[in-house]
């Protein structure tokens, strides 16, 4: 009986931790977007592996995401975050590219799963996050434009960006990214 329980625990742990990685399809979209933004197909991307206490601390705030360090062949360095944010009944996948100072240089909604609220995927709306850092306070309907018909997704993205900017700053201060 104990052996069966131990096997069940091991399988549960494996399934829990294997669900944290990005799907192959999402990785392809991320790589394509990085390549497009950097205007090069040659870059290296290394996932940032966080220790357990950091995972716990970050997962209390940001949903299911992954940081990577990216470097181009000419030496430019960036931090990339890929995460999920809640929408009305589902969630959407997004990515944010930061410079080494923790300033947002690019953002993109990679997969949007709702039939309405799709306006948050527009480059025009996402452009308002460019240049923002942990020093900025992003407030939906005040410092971030509202979108009629996309209130839940737009406010969710704003919340995620605020949390993400604070987490990037914290990770930078502790020399993790």
Foldseek 3Di string as FASTA:
>chain_A
DVVVVVVVVVVVVVVVVVVLDDDPVVVVLVLVVVCVVVVHNAKDKAWQDDDPVLCVVLCVQFPRKTWIWMAGPVGFIKIKMWGWWDFDDGIWIKMFIGGLVLFTADIATRGDDDPWLCVCRDPVQRVLRGRDALVDQQDDPPSHDADVGGRRVRRRVSSNSNSSRVSSVVCVVVVSD
